[in-house]
Amino acid sequence: MRGRDLWGYLLFSHGWTWLWWGVNVVAGLDAFGAGLPFTLLGGAGPLLGGVVMSRDTYGRAGLVDLGTRLVDPRRLSPRWVAVTVLLFPTLAVVAGAATAVGTGAVTVLDVSTLAGLLTSPAALASTVAVTLVVGPLPEEVGWRGYLLDRCQRRWSALAAALVVGVAWATWHAPLFVMPGYYEAFDFAPDPLPFGASLLCSSVLYAWVYDNTDRSVLAVVLLHFTENFVGQVTTLPPAGERVLLAAKVLLAVTVVAIFGHRTLRRDGSVPSPPPDRRRG
């Protein structure tokens, strides 16, 4: 079937996820109360899609390749480790500083949540674990670990990143109307800036992914740091707008320097295993 590699994945990422999350929405179940089983089941959509479609598209070699890219740290040079760990904290600090200068405030970036966690190792460990498992780990197996490769076979790296970004952003749609989900994280993002932010993140994730030999571990860490920084620091509305502008500027700069075709200076794109022959 034409496009099976894409539509098959979307059946999991959107079909499976929206089915289970829809139970919470329709029944009015709290995402982390009575609806928790459906929240968790739905969140597994990208992970299931990445695993099942890697097997379907590449055969057993695809599963081996996916697993290796998820756990092998050798694909990350020290420079790219620094990028994955420092990129989003740096953006937050820059946005806070720029907002402080613009408003005349002494401090804008609220780090009280982070400071509290640093005084409680158990709370810090649980926050790190939950942040990693609810989002970065299961999602990146699918979005970058599988879908980005398939899109880059068809389009430029930039176009592929934007397509993945649209899929990634729309995947979150039920969460905006699911009782108790964003309330649990003490924020309720505006859908349009949220979507724009994910498109920028998708470009930055693709840049890291393509420059670390398709490392899923790299984008899991990058996704984790973005989510973690968002949870333990707070910016006022003006600061959030500055942060989004900074992400847009950084994404545009990356494309200008590395090129839209591959997001790599050498012009090459790391290749997945060959597609499985179908009888």
Protein backbone atom coordinates (compact mmCIF):
# COMPACT_ATOMS: atom_id res chain seq x y z
CA MET A 1 0.00 0.00 0.00
CA ARG A 2 1.38 3.39 -0.99
CA GLY A 3 2.41 5.39 2.06
CA ARG A 4 1.97 2.40 4.38
CA ASP A 5 5.10 3.36 6.31
CA LEU A 6 3.58 6.75 7.21
CA TRP A 7 -0.09 5.92 7.60
CA GLY A 8 0.72 2.77 9.55
CA TYR A 9 2.61 4.84 12.08
CA LEU A 10 -0.13 7.48 12.32
CA LEU A 11 -2.67 4.76 13.10
CA PHE A 12 -0.72 4.21 16.30
CA SER A 13 0.36 7.76 17.13
CA HIS A 14 -3.02 9.33 16.49
CA GLY A 15 -5.50 6.45 16.16
CA TRP A 16 -4.40 4.48 19.22
CA THR A 17 -3.63 7.55 21.32
CA TRP A 18 -6.79 9.47 20.55
CA LEU A 19 -8.92 6.37 21.11
CA TRP A 20 -7.77 5.96 24.72
CA TRP A 21 -7.46 9.64 25.51
CA GLY A 22 -10.91 10.11 24.03
CA VAL A 23 -12.31 7.89 26.77
CA ASN A 24 -11.17 10.42 29.37
CA VAL A 25 -12.48 13.35 27.35
CA VAL A 26 -15.91 11.84 26.65
CA ALA A 27 -16.38 10.35 30.12
CA GLY A 28 -14.94 13.37 31.91
CA LEU A 29 -12.36 11.28 33.76
CA ASP A 30 -9.45 13.01 35.46
CA ALA A 31 -6.24 12.31 33.56
CA PHE A 32 -4.32 11.33 36.69
CA GLY A 33 -7.28 10.04 38.70
CA ALA A 34 -9.81 7.53 37.46
CA GLY A 35 -8.62 8.10 33.90
CA LEU A 36 -4.95 7.33 34.57
CA PRO A 37 -5.00 3.90 32.83
CA PHE A 38 -6.38 5.51 29.67
CA THR A 39 -3.88 8.36 29.90
CA LEU A 40 -1.00 5.88 30.06
CA LEU A 41 -2.39 3.60 27.36
CA GLY A 42 -2.88 6.53 25.01
CA GLY A 43 0.58 7.91 25.71
CA ALA A 44 2.10 4.66 24.43
CA GLY A 45 0.93 5.34 20.86
CA PRO A 46 4.21 6.78 19.48
CA LEU A 47 6.23 4.04 21.21
CA LEU A 48 4.05 1.27 19.79
CA GLY A 49 4.08 2.90 16.37
CA GLY A 50 7.86 3.19 16.38
CA VAL A 51 8.41 -0.42 17.40
CA VAL A 52 5.71 -2.07 15.27
CA MET A 53 6.42 -0.02 12.15
CA SER A 54 10.19 -0.48 12.46
CA ARG A 55 9.60 -4.22 12.42
CA ASP A 56 7.10 -3.95 9.58
CA THR A 57 9.26 -1.63 7.45
CA TYR A 58 12.77 -2.93 8.05
CA GLY A 59 12.29 -6.40 9.51
CA ARG A 60 14.24 -7.63 12.51
CA ALA A 61 17.17 -5.39 11.52
CA GLY A 62 14.94 -2.39 12.17
CA LEU A 63 14.30 -3.42 15.77
CA VAL A 64 18.01 -4.03 16.39
CA ASP A 65 18.84 -0.66 14.84
CA LEU A 66 16.17 1.12 16.91
CA GLY A 67 17.32 -0.47 20.15
CA THR A 68 20.97 0.31 19.45
CA ARG A 69 20.23 3.96 18.72
CA LEU A 70 18.25 4.23 21.94
CA VAL A 71 20.99 2.98 24.28
CA ASP A 72 24.33 3.58 22.50
CA PRO A 73 26.04 6.71 23.91
CA ARG A 74 28.95 6.49 21.47
CA ARG A 75 26.96 8.31 18.80
CA LEU A 76 27.12 11.48 20.89
CA SER A 77 30.40 13.37 20.81
CA PRO A 78 31.12 15.65 23.80
CA ARG A 79 30.01 18.63 21.72
CA TRP A 80 26.59 17.12 21.05
CA VAL A 81 26.20 16.00 24.66
CA ALA A 82 26.69 19.65 25.59
CA VAL A 83 24.06 20.70 23.04
CA THR A 84 21.47 18.24 24.33
CA VAL A 85 22.02 19.17 27.96
CA LEU A 86 22.52 22.93 27.71
CA LEU A 87 20.42 24.12 24.77
CA PHE A 88 17.07 24.58 26.51
CA PRO A 89 18.40 25.76 29.88
CA THR A 90 20.39 28.38 27.98
CA LEU A 91 17.31 29.49 26.03
CA ALA A 92 15.37 29.86 29.29
CA VAL A 93 18.12 31.95 30.89
CA VAL A 94 18.45 34.14 27.79
CA ALA A 95 14.68 34.65 27.62
CA GLY A 96 14.58 35.54 31.31
CA ALA A 97 17.47 37.98 31.01
CA ALA A 98 16.06 39.63 27.89
CA THR A 99 12.66 40.01 29.52
CA ALA A 100 14.22 41.47 32.66
CA VAL A 101 16.09 44.04 30.59
CA GLY A 102 12.95 44.91 28.64
CA THR A 103 10.73 45.26 31.71
CA GLY A 104 13.26 46.62 34.18
CA ALA A 105 12.59 43.77 36.59
CA VAL A 106 15.39 42.54 38.81
CA THR A 107 14.62 38.88 38.08
CA VAL A 108 12.14 37.23 35.74
CA LEU A 109 13.05 33.54 35.57
CA ASP A 110 11.50 31.88 38.63
CA VAL A 111 13.62 28.91 39.73
CA SER A 112 11.97 28.34 43.11
CA THR A 113 10.61 24.95 42.03
CA LEU A 114 14.09 23.83 41.00
CA ALA A 115 15.56 25.14 44.24
CA GLY A 116 13.00 23.17 46.22
CA LEU A 117 13.75 19.97 44.33
CA LEU A 118 17.49 20.37 44.93
CA THR A 119 16.86 20.25 48.67
CA SER A 120 14.96 16.95 48.39
CA PRO A 121 16.80 14.16 46.55
CA ALA A 122 13.73 11.90 46.60
CA ALA A 123 11.50 14.57 45.06
CA LEU A 124 14.16 15.39 42.47
CA ALA A 125 14.57 11.73 41.53
CA SER A 126 10.83 11.18 41.17
CA THR A 127 10.44 14.34 39.08
CA VAL A 128 13.27 13.28 36.79
CA ALA A 129 11.82 9.77 36.42
CA VAL A 130 8.28 10.96 35.68
CA THR A 131 9.49 13.64 33.27
CA LEU A 132 11.54 11.06 31.37
CA VAL A 133 8.86 8.36 31.20
CA VAL A 134 5.87 10.64 30.52
CA GLY A 135 6.95 12.08 27.20
CA PRO A 136 10.58 11.94 26.05
CA LEU A 137 11.30 8.20 26.20
CA PRO A 138 8.14 6.73 24.63
CA GLU A 139 7.57 9.62 22.24
CA GLU A 140 11.05 9.83 20.71
CA VAL A 141 11.09 6.13 19.82
CA GLY A 142 8.31 7.05 17.41
CA TRP A 143 8.67 10.68 16.33
CA ARG A 144 12.39 10.73 15.62
CA GLY A 145 13.29 7.05 16.02
CA TYR A 146 10.95 6.03 13.21
CA LEU A 147 8.86 8.78 11.59
CA LEU A 148 11.61 11.32 10.88
CA ASP A 149 13.64 8.76 8.92
CA ARG A 150 10.64 7.90 6.76
CA CYS A 151 9.90 11.55 6.08
CA GLN A 152 13.54 12.29 5.20
CA ARG A 153 13.39 9.60 2.54
CA ARG A 154 10.78 11.74 0.80
CA TRP A 155 11.64 15.34 1.62
CA SER A 156 14.44 17.62 2.79
CA ALA A 157 15.46 17.45 6.44
CA LEU A 158 13.70 20.75 7.14
CA ALA A 159 10.47 19.71 5.44
CA ALA A 160 10.60 16.34 7.21
CA ALA A 161 11.12 18.04 10.57
CA LEU A 162 8.12 20.31 9.96
CA VAL A 163 5.91 17.37 8.93
CA VAL A 164 6.91 15.51 12.08
CA GLY A 165 6.33 18.71 14.05
CA VAL A 166 2.76 19.01 12.76
CA ALA A 167 2.08 15.37 13.62
CA TRP A 168 3.66 15.84 17.04
CA ALA A 169 1.67 18.99 17.79
CA THR A 170 -1.69 17.58 16.68
CA TRP A 171 -1.05 14.41 18.68
CA HIS A 172 -1.33 16.55 21.83
CA ALA A 173 -4.77 17.95 20.88
CA PRO A 174 -6.92 15.82 23.25
CA LEU A 175 -4.79 16.91 26.22
CA PHE A 176 -6.15 20.44 25.94
CA VAL A 177 -9.66 19.23 26.76
CA MET A 178 -8.79 16.29 29.03
CA PRO A 179 -9.80 17.00 32.65
CA GLY A 180 -6.89 17.37 35.03
CA TYR A 181 -4.01 16.90 32.60
CA TYR A 182 -2.38 20.30 32.35
CA GLU A 183 -3.70 21.25 35.79
CA ALA A 184 -1.38 18.59 37.20
CA PHE A 185 1.59 20.49 35.76
CA ASP A 186 0.30 23.88 36.94
CA PHE A 187 0.06 25.37 33.48
CA ALA A 188 -2.33 25.39 30.55
CA PRO A 189 -0.56 26.37 27.32
CA ASP A 190 -2.23 28.36 24.58
CA PRO A 191 -2.62 25.91 21.65
CA LEU A 192 -1.23 28.21 18.93
CA PRO A 193 2.03 29.26 20.67
CA PHE A 194 2.36 25.67 21.90
CA GLY A 195 2.12 24.36 18.33
CA ALA A 196 4.58 26.96 17.04
CA SER A 197 7.00 26.03 19.81
CA LEU A 198 6.80 22.34 18.91
CA LEU A 199 7.51 23.11 15.25
CA CYS A 200 10.68 24.94 16.29
CA SER A 201 11.62 22.13 18.66
CA SER A 202 11.07 19.61 15.88
CA VAL A 203 13.61 21.42 13.68
CA LEU A 204 16.13 21.53 16.53
CA TYR A 205 15.56 17.86 17.38
CA ALA A 206 16.05 16.87 13.73
CA TRP A 207 19.29 18.87 13.65
CA VAL A 208 20.61 17.01 16.70
CA TYR A 209 19.32 13.66 15.44
CA ASP A 210 20.94 13.98 12.03
CA ASN A 211 24.25 15.13 13.49
CA THR A 212 24.48 12.28 16.02
CA ASP A 213 24.12 9.45 13.52
CA ARG A 214 20.36 9.10 14.15
CA SER A 215 20.77 8.82 17.91
CA VAL A 216 17.42 8.29 19.62
CA LEU A 217 19.22 8.66 22.95
CA ALA A 218 20.26 12.18 21.95
CA VAL A 219 16.73 13.35 21.21
CA VAL A 220 15.36 11.63 24.32
CA LEU A 221 17.84 13.67 26.37
CA LEU A 222 17.03 16.83 24.43
CA HIS A 223 13.28 16.31 24.86
CA PHE A 224 13.82 15.57 28.55
CA THR A 225 15.80 18.75 29.17
CA GLU A 226 13.18 20.86 27.40
CA ASN A 227 10.35 19.36 29.46
CA PHE A 228 12.32 19.44 32.71
CA VAL A 229 13.30 23.09 32.30
CA GLY A 230 9.67 23.91 31.56
CA GLN A 231 8.57 22.17 34.76
CA VAL A 232 11.12 23.58 37.20
CA THR A 233 11.34 27.16 35.94
CA THR A 234 8.64 29.72 35.28
CA LEU A 235 8.53 32.77 33.01
CA PRO A 236 5.83 35.43 32.97
CA PRO A 237 3.71 35.73 29.78
CA ALA A 238 6.12 38.29 28.33
CA GLY A 239 9.00 35.93 29.02
CA GLU A 240 7.20 33.05 27.32
CA ARG A 241 6.81 35.20 24.21
CA VAL A 242 10.51 36.04 24.29
CA LEU A 243 11.34 32.36 24.72
CA LEU A 244 9.27 31.44 21.66
CA ALA A 245 10.95 34.20 19.65
CA ALA A 246 14.35 32.90 20.75
CA LYS A 247 13.43 29.37 19.63
CA VAL A 248 12.28 30.66 16.25
CA LEU A 249 15.50 32.63 15.83
CA LEU A 250 17.63 29.64 16.82
CA ALA A 251 15.80 27.29 14.44
CA VAL A 252 16.19 29.78 11.57
CA THR A 253 19.88 30.19 12.40
CA VAL A 254 20.43 26.42 12.41
CA VAL A 255 18.80 26.10 8.99
CA ALA A 256 20.80 29.03 7.61
CA ILE A 257 24.12 27.59 8.82
CA PHE A 258 23.59 23.88 8.21
CA GLY A 259 21.28 24.00 5.18
CA HIS A 260 17.66 22.95 4.80
CA ARG A 261 18.36 19.79 2.79
CA THR A 262 20.21 17.81 5.44
CA LEU A 263 20.76 20.08 8.48
CA ARG A 264 24.37 18.87 8.27
CA ARG A 265 27.40 20.73 6.99
CA ASP A 266 28.68 17.75 5.01
CA GLY A 267 25.38 17.47 3.14
CA SER A 268 24.81 13.80 3.98
CA VAL A 269 21.85 12.17 5.72
CA PRO A 270 22.44 9.09 7.91
CA SER A 271 20.46 6.20 6.46
CA PRO A 272 18.24 3.64 8.21
CA PRO A 273 18.44 -0.07 7.30
CA PRO A 274 17.12 -1.04 3.86
CA ASP A 275 13.39 -1.62 3.64
CA ARG A 276 12.25 -5.19 4.11
CA ARG A 277 11.35 -6.97 0.90
CA ARG A 278 7.71 -7.93 0.76
CA GLY A 279 6.67 -11.13 -0.91
